Protein backbone atom coordinates (compact mmCIF):
# COMPACT_ATOMS: atom_id res chain seq x y z
CA UNK A 1 -23.01 37.42 -53.78
CA UNK A 2 -26.09 39.62 -53.65
CA UNK A 3 -28.65 37.23 -52.19
CA UNK A 4 -31.47 39.76 -52.45
CA UNK A 5 -30.96 40.29 -56.20
CA UNK A 6 -30.84 36.54 -56.65
CA UNK A 7 -34.15 36.24 -54.78
CA UNK A 8 -35.71 38.80 -57.13
CA UNK A 9 -34.47 36.85 -60.16
CA UNK A 10 -35.74 33.52 -58.82
CA UNK A 11 -39.13 35.02 -58.05
CA UNK A 12 -39.44 36.68 -61.46
CA UNK A 13 -38.62 33.38 -63.16
CA UNK A 14 -41.15 31.48 -61.03
CA UNK A 15 -43.95 33.95 -61.71
CA UNK A 16 -43.29 34.49 -65.43
CA UNK A 17 -42.05 31.01 -66.43
CA UNK A 18 -43.38 28.47 -63.92
CA UNK A 19 -41.96 24.95 -64.30
CA UNK A 20 -42.77 21.69 -62.52
CA UNK A 21 -40.25 20.64 -59.92
CA UNK A 22 -37.52 18.22 -61.05
CA UNK A 23 -37.56 15.38 -58.54
CA UNK A 24 -34.32 13.94 -59.98
CA UNK A 25 -32.57 17.32 -60.00
CA UNK A 26 -33.66 18.20 -56.48
CA UNK A 27 -32.50 14.82 -55.14
CA UNK A 28 -29.08 15.29 -56.75
CA UNK A 29 -28.68 18.82 -55.41
CA UNK A 30 -29.86 17.90 -51.91
CA UNK A 31 -27.34 15.05 -51.76
CA UNK A 32 -24.52 17.19 -53.16
CA UNK A 33 -25.15 20.08 -50.74
CA UNK A 34 -25.51 17.72 -47.78
CA UNK A 35 -22.11 16.19 -48.63
CA UNK A 36 -20.58 19.68 -49.09
CA UNK A 37 -19.49 18.85 -52.63
CA UNK A 38 -19.03 21.29 -55.51
CA UNK A 39 -20.50 21.06 -58.99
CA UNK A 40 -16.96 20.57 -60.31
CA UNK A 41 -16.23 17.60 -58.05
CA UNK A 42 -19.49 15.75 -58.68
CA UNK A 43 -19.46 16.31 -62.45
CA UNK A 44 -15.76 15.47 -62.93
CA UNK A 45 -15.33 13.08 -65.92
CA UNK A 46 -19.13 12.64 -66.10
CA UNK A 47 -20.35 15.92 -67.58
CA UNK A 48 -19.57 19.62 -67.32
CA UNK A 49 -20.42 21.57 -64.15
CA UNK A 50 -22.84 23.67 -66.22
CA UNK A 51 -24.61 20.52 -67.42
CA UNK A 52 -24.92 19.22 -63.87
CA UNK A 53 -26.36 22.57 -62.77
CA UNK A 54 -28.97 22.36 -65.55
CA UNK A 55 -29.83 18.78 -64.55
CA UNK A 56 -30.30 19.86 -60.93
CA UNK A 57 -32.57 22.71 -62.00
CA UNK A 58 -34.63 20.46 -64.28
CA UNK A 59 -33.61 22.36 -67.41
CA UNK A 60 -32.38 19.16 -69.09
CA UNK A 61 -32.87 15.44 -68.44
CA UNK A 62 -29.74 13.31 -67.93
CA UNK A 63 -29.13 10.21 -70.00
CA UNK A 64 -29.39 6.92 -68.06
CA UNK A 65 -25.59 6.55 -68.14
CA UNK A 66 -24.91 10.07 -66.81
CA UNK A 67 -27.56 9.67 -64.13
CA UNK A 68 -26.09 6.33 -63.03
CA UNK A 69 -22.60 7.84 -62.78
CA UNK A 70 -23.87 10.85 -60.82
CA UNK A 71 -25.71 8.58 -58.39
CA UNK A 72 -22.56 6.52 -57.93
CA UNK A 73 -20.47 9.65 -57.31
CA UNK A 74 -22.97 10.76 -54.65
CA UNK A 75 -23.19 7.23 -53.17
CA UNK A 76 -26.90 7.02 -53.93
CA UNK A 77 -28.43 3.68 -54.92
CA UNK A 78 -31.35 5.25 -56.76
CA UNK A 79 -33.71 8.21 -56.82
CA UNK A 80 -36.09 7.65 -53.88
CA UNK A 81 -39.79 7.44 -54.64
CA UNK A 82 -41.94 10.37 -53.55
CA UNK A 83 -45.54 9.29 -53.14
CA UNK A 84 -46.81 12.67 -52.02
CA UNK A 85 -46.75 15.77 -54.15
CA UNK A 86 -43.50 17.59 -53.31
CA UNK A 87 -45.52 20.73 -52.66
CA UNK A 88 -48.37 19.13 -50.74
CA UNK A 89 -50.13 21.45 -48.36
CA UNK A 90 -47.78 21.12 -45.38
CA UNK A 91 -47.67 24.90 -45.05
CA UNK A 92 -51.29 25.47 -44.01
CA UNK A 93 -51.03 23.55 -40.74
CA UNK A 94 -47.59 25.02 -40.03
CA UNK A 95 -48.81 28.58 -40.62
CA UNK A 96 -51.69 27.97 -38.23
CA UNK A 97 -49.23 26.95 -35.51
CA UNK A 98 -47.13 30.06 -36.23
CA UNK A 99 -50.15 32.37 -36.03
CA UNK A 100 -51.18 30.86 -32.70
CA UNK A 101 -47.84 31.93 -31.24
CA UNK A 102 -47.61 28.78 -29.13
CA UNK A 103 -43.86 28.65 -28.56
CA UNK A 104 -43.93 25.42 -26.53
CA UNK A 105 -45.74 23.62 -29.32
CA UNK A 106 -43.31 25.03 -31.89
CA UNK A 107 -40.43 23.55 -29.91
CA UNK A 108 -42.20 20.19 -29.72
CA UNK A 109 -42.64 19.92 -33.51
CA UNK A 110 -39.08 21.02 -34.31
CA UNK A 111 -37.77 17.50 -34.96
CA UNK A 112 -40.96 16.11 -36.50
CA UNK A 113 -40.48 15.69 -40.25
CA UNK A 114 -43.58 15.18 -42.37
CA UNK A 115 -42.36 17.03 -45.45
CA UNK A 116 -41.48 15.22 -48.71
CA UNK A 117 -38.10 16.92 -49.15
CA UNK A 118 -35.32 17.71 -46.65
CA UNK A 119 -35.20 21.41 -47.62
CA UNK A 120 -38.84 21.76 -46.51
CA UNK A 121 -37.98 20.37 -43.08
CA UNK A 122 -35.00 22.74 -42.90
CA UNK A 123 -37.25 25.67 -43.89
CA UNK A 124 -39.63 24.77 -41.07
CA UNK A 125 -36.71 24.57 -38.61
CA UNK A 126 -35.34 27.91 -39.88
CA UNK A 127 -38.67 29.62 -39.13
CA UNK A 128 -39.05 27.93 -35.73
CA UNK A 129 -35.52 28.87 -34.65
CA UNK A 130 -36.04 32.51 -35.61
CA UNK A 131 -39.40 32.62 -33.83
CA UNK A 132 -37.85 31.14 -30.69
CA UNK A 133 -34.67 33.26 -31.07
CA UNK A 134 -32.51 30.13 -31.23
CA UNK A 135 -29.78 31.66 -33.38
CA UNK A 136 -26.99 29.07 -33.11
CA UNK A 137 -26.10 27.75 -36.57
CA UNK A 138 -28.92 29.82 -38.11
CA UNK A 139 -26.55 31.26 -40.73
CA UNK A 140 -25.66 27.77 -41.98
CA UNK A 141 -29.36 26.93 -42.25
CA UNK A 142 -29.95 30.15 -44.19
CA UNK A 143 -27.12 29.42 -46.63
CA UNK A 144 -28.41 25.87 -47.12
CA UNK A 145 -31.88 27.14 -48.02
CA UNK A 146 -30.50 29.66 -50.52
CA UNK A 147 -29.54 26.70 -52.71
CA UNK A 148 -33.13 25.47 -52.85
CA UNK A 149 -35.03 28.62 -53.82
CA UNK A 150 -35.57 27.33 -57.41
CA UNK A 151 -37.42 24.28 -56.02
CA UNK A 152 -39.67 26.16 -53.60
CA UNK A 153 -43.29 26.81 -54.42
CA UNK A 154 -44.38 30.46 -54.39
CA UNK A 155 -46.03 29.84 -51.00
CA UNK A 156 -42.77 28.43 -49.65
CA UNK A 157 -40.87 31.42 -51.07
CA UNK A 158 -43.31 33.71 -49.27
CA UNK A 159 -42.57 32.02 -45.94
CA UNK A 160 -38.82 31.97 -46.63
CA UNK A 161 -38.51 35.64 -47.64
CA UNK A 162 -40.69 36.75 -44.73
CA UNK A 163 -38.38 35.03 -42.25
CA UNK A 164 -35.22 36.07 -44.08
CA UNK A 165 -36.47 39.55 -43.16
CA UNK A 166 -36.78 38.41 -39.53
CA UNK A 167 -33.27 36.91 -39.80
CA UNK A 168 -31.80 40.25 -40.93
CA UNK A 169 -33.70 42.04 -38.18
CA UNK A 170 -31.94 39.79 -35.64
CA UNK A 171 -28.65 40.78 -37.31
CA UNK A 172 -29.62 44.49 -37.03
CA UNK A 173 -29.48 44.80 -40.83
CA UNK A 174 -32.53 47.00 -41.14
CA UNK A 175 -32.29 47.83 -44.84
CA UNK A 176 -32.34 44.15 -45.84
CA UNK A 177 -35.08 43.53 -43.28
CA UNK A 178 -37.51 45.90 -44.96
CA UNK A 179 -36.48 44.76 -48.46
CA UNK A 180 -37.36 41.15 -47.69
CA UNK A 181 -40.53 42.11 -45.81
CA UNK A 182 -41.69 44.10 -48.83
CA UNK A 183 -40.75 41.29 -51.20
CA UNK A 184 -42.81 38.84 -49.13
CA UNK A 185 -45.69 41.32 -48.96
CA UNK A 186 -45.75 41.77 -52.75
CA UNK A 187 -45.73 38.00 -53.17
CA UNK A 188 -48.63 37.61 -50.72
CA UNK A 189 -50.58 40.16 -52.78
CA UNK A 190 -49.76 38.27 -55.98
CA UNK A 191 -50.97 35.02 -54.41
CA UNK A 192 -53.95 36.81 -52.78
CA UNK A 193 -53.03 35.24 -49.45
CA UNK A 194 -53.81 36.82 -46.10
CA UNK A 195 -50.65 36.93 -43.99
CA UNK A 196 -51.43 38.49 -40.63
CA UNK A 197 -48.03 37.74 -39.10
CA UNK A 198 -46.21 39.45 -41.97
CA UNK A 199 -48.55 42.46 -41.64
CA UNK A 200 -47.74 42.63 -37.92
CA UNK A 201 -43.99 42.49 -38.57
CA UNK A 202 -44.30 45.26 -41.17
CA UNK A 203 -46.34 47.36 -38.72
CA UNK A 204 -43.71 46.89 -36.00
CA UNK A 205 -40.93 47.91 -38.39
CA UNK A 206 -42.67 51.07 -39.62
CA UNK A 207 -43.80 51.98 -36.13
CA UNK A 208 -40.21 51.82 -34.83
CA UNK A 209 -39.26 54.50 -37.35
CA UNK A 210 -42.23 56.78 -36.72
CA UNK A 211 -43.92 55.99 -40.04
CA UNK A 212 -47.37 55.91 -38.48
CA UNK A 213 -49.49 55.86 -41.66
CA UNK A 214 -47.80 52.75 -43.03
CA UNK A 215 -47.74 51.14 -39.58
CA UNK A 216 -51.46 51.62 -38.96
CA UNK A 217 -52.34 50.30 -42.44
CA UNK A 218 -50.53 47.00 -41.80
CA UNK A 219 -51.57 46.89 -38.14
CA UNK A 220 -55.28 47.04 -39.02
CA UNK A 221 -54.82 44.18 -41.50
CA UNK A 222 -53.02 42.11 -38.86
CA UNK A 223 -55.55 42.86 -36.11
CA UNK A 224 -58.47 41.96 -38.35
CA UNK A 225 -56.83 38.67 -39.35
CA UNK A 226 -55.85 37.59 -35.83
CA UNK A 227 -59.03 38.67 -34.04
CA UNK A 228 -61.31 37.03 -36.65
CA UNK A 229 -59.58 33.70 -35.88
CA UNK A 230 -59.51 34.30 -32.11
CA UNK A 231 -55.71 34.11 -31.99
CA UNK A 232 -55.08 35.69 -28.61
CA UNK A 233 -51.30 36.23 -28.51
CA UNK A 234 -50.98 38.33 -31.65
CA UNK A 235 -54.34 40.04 -31.14
CA UNK A 236 -52.91 41.35 -27.86
CA UNK A 237 -49.66 42.28 -29.63
CA UNK A 238 -51.64 44.32 -32.18
CA UNK A 239 -53.71 46.06 -29.49
CA UNK A 240 -50.60 46.98 -27.50
CA UNK A 241 -49.01 48.40 -30.64
CA UNK A 242 -52.20 50.34 -31.40
CA UNK A 243 -52.19 51.76 -27.88
CA UNK A 244 -48.55 52.79 -28.33
CA UNK A 245 -49.40 54.51 -31.61
CA UNK A 246 -52.23 56.50 -30.00
CA UNK A 247 -49.84 57.70 -27.28
CA UNK A 248 -47.07 58.65 -29.72
CA UNK A 249 -49.45 60.56 -31.97
CA UNK A 250 -51.31 62.31 -29.12
CA UNK A 251 -54.66 60.61 -29.80
CA UNK A 252 -55.29 60.70 -26.07
CA UNK A 253 -59.07 60.22 -26.17
CA UNK A 254 -58.62 56.70 -27.55
CA UNK A 255 -55.95 55.61 -25.07
CA UNK A 256 -57.81 55.05 -21.75
CA UNK A 257 -60.58 52.75 -23.09
CA UNK A 258 -58.12 50.43 -24.84
CA UNK A 259 -55.45 50.72 -22.15
CA UNK A 260 -57.73 49.83 -19.24
CA UNK A 261 -59.48 47.08 -21.19
CA UNK A 262 -56.07 45.46 -21.69
CA UNK A 263 -55.08 46.13 -18.08
CA UNK A 264 -58.10 44.34 -16.61
CA UNK A 265 -57.70 41.49 -19.10
CA UNK A 266 -53.99 40.95 -18.39
CA UNK A 267 -54.38 41.26 -14.62
CA UNK A 268 -56.73 38.28 -14.75
CA UNK A 269 -54.68 36.21 -17.18
CA UNK A 270 -51.29 37.02 -18.70
CA UNK A 271 -50.08 33.82 -20.41
CA UNK A 272 -47.84 35.71 -22.83
CA UNK A 273 -46.24 38.04 -20.23
CA UNK A 274 -47.53 41.29 -21.72
CA UNK A 275 -48.59 43.01 -18.48
CA UNK A 276 -45.26 44.72 -17.80
CA UNK A 277 -45.11 46.04 -21.34
CA UNK A 278 -48.59 47.49 -20.80
CA UNK A 279 -47.49 49.06 -17.50
CA UNK A 280 -44.72 50.87 -19.36
CA UNK A 281 -47.28 52.11 -21.90
CA UNK A 282 -49.49 53.34 -19.07
CA UNK A 283 -46.49 55.22 -17.71
CA UNK A 284 -45.91 56.71 -21.18
CA UNK A 285 -49.52 57.88 -21.36
CA UNK A 286 -49.44 59.64 -18.00
CA UNK A 287 -46.03 61.13 -18.82
CA UNK A 288 -47.42 62.60 -22.05
CA UNK A 289 -50.34 64.24 -20.24
CA UNK A 290 -47.90 65.43 -17.52
CA UNK A 291 -49.33 63.40 -14.66
CA UNK A 292 -45.83 62.57 -13.48
CA UNK A 293 -46.74 60.85 -10.21
CA UNK A 294 -48.96 58.37 -12.05
CA UNK A 295 -46.29 57.85 -14.71
CA UNK A 296 -43.69 57.12 -12.02
CA UNK A 297 -46.06 54.68 -10.33
CA UNK A 298 -46.55 52.55 -13.46
CA UNK A 299 -42.89 52.67 -14.52
CA UNK A 300 -41.90 51.39 -11.07
CA UNK A 301 -44.45 48.59 -11.32
CA UNK A 302 -42.95 47.56 -14.66
CA UNK A 303 -39.46 47.72 -13.19
CA UNK A 304 -40.16 44.60 -11.13
CA UNK A 305 -39.96 42.52 -14.31
CA UNK A 306 -36.41 41.68 -15.39
CA UNK A 307 -37.44 41.42 -19.02
CA UNK A 308 -38.51 45.06 -19.14
CA UNK A 309 -36.03 46.49 -16.63
CA UNK A 310 -33.79 48.31 -19.19
CA UNK A 311 -36.82 49.90 -20.86
CA UNK A 312 -38.37 50.93 -17.54
CA UNK A 313 -35.07 52.36 -16.26
CA UNK A 314 -34.72 54.49 -19.39
CA UNK A 315 -38.25 55.77 -19.01
CA UNK A 316 -37.79 56.59 -15.32
CA UNK A 317 -34.55 58.46 -16.00
CA UNK A 318 -36.26 60.42 -18.76
CA UNK A 319 -39.23 61.17 -16.51
CA UNK A 320 -37.05 62.49 -13.68
CA UNK A 321 -35.00 64.63 -16.06
CA UNK A 322 -37.98 66.13 -17.91
CA UNK A 323 -39.92 66.79 -14.69
CA UNK A 324 -36.84 68.35 -13.03
CA UNK A 325 -36.77 65.77 -10.21
CA UNK A 326 -32.98 65.86 -9.95
CA UNK A 327 -32.83 64.29 -6.47
CA UNK A 328 -34.73 61.23 -7.62
CA UNK A 329 -32.66 61.08 -10.80
CA UNK A 330 -29.36 61.10 -8.90
CA UNK A 331 -30.67 58.52 -6.41
CA UNK A 332 -31.82 56.19 -9.21
CA UNK A 333 -28.48 56.49 -11.03
CA UNK A 334 -26.58 55.65 -7.84
CA UNK A 335 -28.73 52.57 -7.23
CA UNK A 336 -28.40 51.41 -10.83
CA UNK A 337 -24.61 51.81 -10.77
CA UNK A 338 -24.40 49.24 -7.96
CA UNK A 339 -25.27 46.61 -10.57
CA UNK A 340 -22.01 45.55 -12.21
CA UNK A 341 -23.74 43.69 -15.06
CA UNK A 342 -25.52 46.63 -16.62
CA UNK A 343 -26.44 46.42 -20.32
CA UNK A 344 -24.42 48.76 -22.50
CA UNK A 345 -27.53 50.75 -23.43
CA UNK A 346 -28.12 51.60 -19.75
CA UNK A 347 -24.47 52.58 -19.18
CA UNK A 348 -24.59 55.05 -22.07
CA UNK A 349 -27.97 56.37 -20.98
CA UNK A 350 -26.70 57.05 -17.45
CA UNK A 351 -23.72 58.95 -18.88
CA UNK A 352 -26.08 60.85 -21.17
CA UNK A 353 -28.32 62.06 -18.34
CA UNK A 354 -25.34 62.89 -16.12
CA UNK A 355 -23.95 65.12 -18.87
CA UNK A 356 -27.37 66.68 -19.50
CA UNK A 357 -27.71 67.49 -15.81
CA UNK A 358 -24.21 68.81 -15.11
CA UNK A 359 -22.56 69.83 -18.40
CA UNK A 360 -25.06 69.83 -21.32
CA UNK A 361 -22.94 72.01 -23.64
CA UNK A 362 -19.40 70.92 -22.76
CA UNK A 363 -16.77 69.38 -25.02
CA UNK A 364 -16.73 66.15 -23.01
CA UNK A 365 -20.43 65.67 -23.75
CA UNK A 366 -19.83 66.37 -27.46
CA UNK A 367 -17.00 63.82 -27.59
CA UNK A 368 -19.10 61.25 -25.73
CA UNK A 369 -21.98 61.68 -28.21
CA UNK A 370 -19.75 61.61 -31.31
CA UNK A 371 -17.32 58.87 -30.32
CA UNK A 372 -19.41 56.56 -28.14
CA UNK A 373 -23.16 57.02 -27.89
CA UNK A 374 -24.13 57.69 -31.52
CA UNK A 375 -21.85 55.02 -33.13
CA UNK A 376 -23.11 52.35 -30.71
CA UNK A 377 -26.76 53.32 -31.28
CA UNK A 378 -26.26 53.02 -35.06
CA UNK A 379 -24.37 49.74 -34.72
CA UNK A 380 -27.12 48.25 -32.56
CA UNK A 381 -29.81 49.57 -34.96
CA UNK A 382 -31.50 51.48 -32.14
CA UNK A 383 -33.05 54.37 -34.03
CA UNK A 384 -34.73 55.91 -30.99
CA UNK A 385 -31.46 56.12 -29.07
CA UNK A 386 -29.67 57.49 -32.14
CA UNK A 387 -32.38 60.13 -32.49
CA UNK A 388 -32.09 61.00 -28.79
CA UNK A 389 -28.29 61.41 -28.92
CA UNK A 390 -28.28 63.20 -32.29
CA UNK A 391 -30.87 65.70 -31.04
CA UNK A 392 -28.71 66.44 -27.99
CA UNK A 393 -25.71 66.99 -30.27
CA UNK A 394 -27.72 69.34 -32.50
CA UNK A 395 -28.80 71.37 -29.46
CA UNK A 396 -25.18 71.53 -28.29
CA UNK A 397 -24.02 72.85 -31.68
CA UNK A 398 -26.85 75.40 -31.80
CA UNK A 399 -25.98 76.67 -28.32
CA UNK A 400 -22.36 77.18 -29.42
CA UNK A 401 -23.41 78.87 -32.68
CA UNK A 402 -22.06 76.04 -34.84
CA UNK A 403 -25.02 76.06 -37.20
CA UNK A 404 -23.28 74.22 -40.03
CA UNK A 405 -22.42 71.31 -37.73
CA UNK A 406 -25.99 71.27 -36.40
CA UNK A 407 -27.35 71.14 -39.96
CA UNK A 408 -24.97 68.33 -40.96
CA UNK A 409 -25.97 66.27 -37.91
CA UNK A 410 -29.66 66.80 -38.65
CA UNK A 411 -29.07 65.89 -42.30
CA UNK A 412 -27.34 62.62 -41.34
CA UNK A 413 -30.19 61.74 -38.99
CA UNK A 414 -32.80 62.45 -41.68
CA UNK A 415 -30.94 60.45 -44.34
CA UNK A 416 -30.51 57.50 -42.00
CA UNK A 417 -34.22 57.59 -41.22
CA UNK A 418 -35.14 57.77 -44.91
CA UNK A 419 -32.80 54.90 -45.82
CA UNK A 420 -34.68 52.63 -43.43
CA UNK A 421 -38.03 53.48 -44.98
CA UNK A 422 -37.32 53.96 -48.69
CA UNK A 423 -34.90 51.09 -49.36
C-alpha cells in the first residue's frame, strides 16, 4: 500500500470536506485494532465489512441493535464517556517540550497519558521515541497510527507527517523523508503555524545535499523562531549549521565571529555536547583557508570525543592526503587499524585513501569503488561519501580515456542528487 498517497488523500478530504470526529466510530476502531481483528471478523453476521468501515469513519450512524452487537463482539460494555474535547489543546504543551530539546524530560513524560484517545498517546510516544532514537517496535507504532489518520486534527496530522519524515530518515529512505517533510510544511503554511523544528529538519536535509539556498531559507526561519523564545539547544544547532554553510560556500569573512562566539560559549557551558562538533567545524575552516597545522590541531581535539571520532578520523585522513603529509597519513591508518571494532565507513575510507596514495588509477581501485564503496554509500544514504567515491571513479575513467564511462558515472551521481531534492 502506498502510505504517502493515502496521506495525501486523507489530508485533501480533511481540508476540503472537514467533518466532526465520530466518537463511536473511533472507539470501535481503536478496540478492533488493539485486538488485532479484521473488519470481516468483527462485522460477521452483524453487517457488511464496508458498513462497519463507514461506521468507524463516522460516515453513517449504526442502529442501536447493530451497535450493541458490535460492542458485544469487541467485548465492550459501552462507549466510554469523553468529557474533554477529543482534540483539546494537548499539542501546544507537547510542542513546547519538543522545541526545548530536553531529552530527559521527554523520557519522563513518555508513560504519562493525558490525552482523550489512545491514538493521541501513541502519537506522542511515536514522536518521543524518534526524538530519542528509541527505534524498537517503532514500525508497529507507525502502522498503528496509519489507521487513525482520519480521526486526527490537522494539527495532529502536521505533527504525525513531520515525524513520519524523521522515521524515514532513520530508515535511510531519503525520498520519502523529503516528501513527508514537504507535506508537513505545506500543512503548516495552510494552518499558518510557526514550526521551527520542522524548518530546522528541512534545513538539515537540504544542507546535506548542497542545496544551500533552500537550506538557508528554512534555517533562518528556524533560528528566528528558536532564538525569539530563548530555546538554547536548537538555537545552537541552527548557529552551528549556519557556520557550516558559511564554510562550505566560502563566506569566510562571516565564519570567525560566529565560530569564536560559539567556541567561548561552549567552553564555559556545553550541556548539549556540541563542543566537539564545533571543533570539527573549526578544523574545516582552517583546512579551507589552507592553514593545515591549525586544522590538524582542532581535528585532533575533536578526536577525543567518541561520538565524533569517525567524523574526525575522516577529516584527518582527508587533511593529510590533500596536504601531502603521507607519513602522518600512513601512521594514522596504522593506529586506526589496531582497533578491531571499526565502523564500516572508516574501513572503506581507509581502503580509499590507501588506493589513492599507492594505486589511484588501477583496476583494483576501480573494482573496490564499483563493487564495495559506492553501493554501501548509497545503501547507507551517505551522499557525501557517494559523491567522494563517484568523483574518484570519474577521475580514474578520465585518466584511462574512458570518457563514456566517466560521463555515465557523473550522470548517475547527478540524477541521484536530483531525486533527493525534486521528489
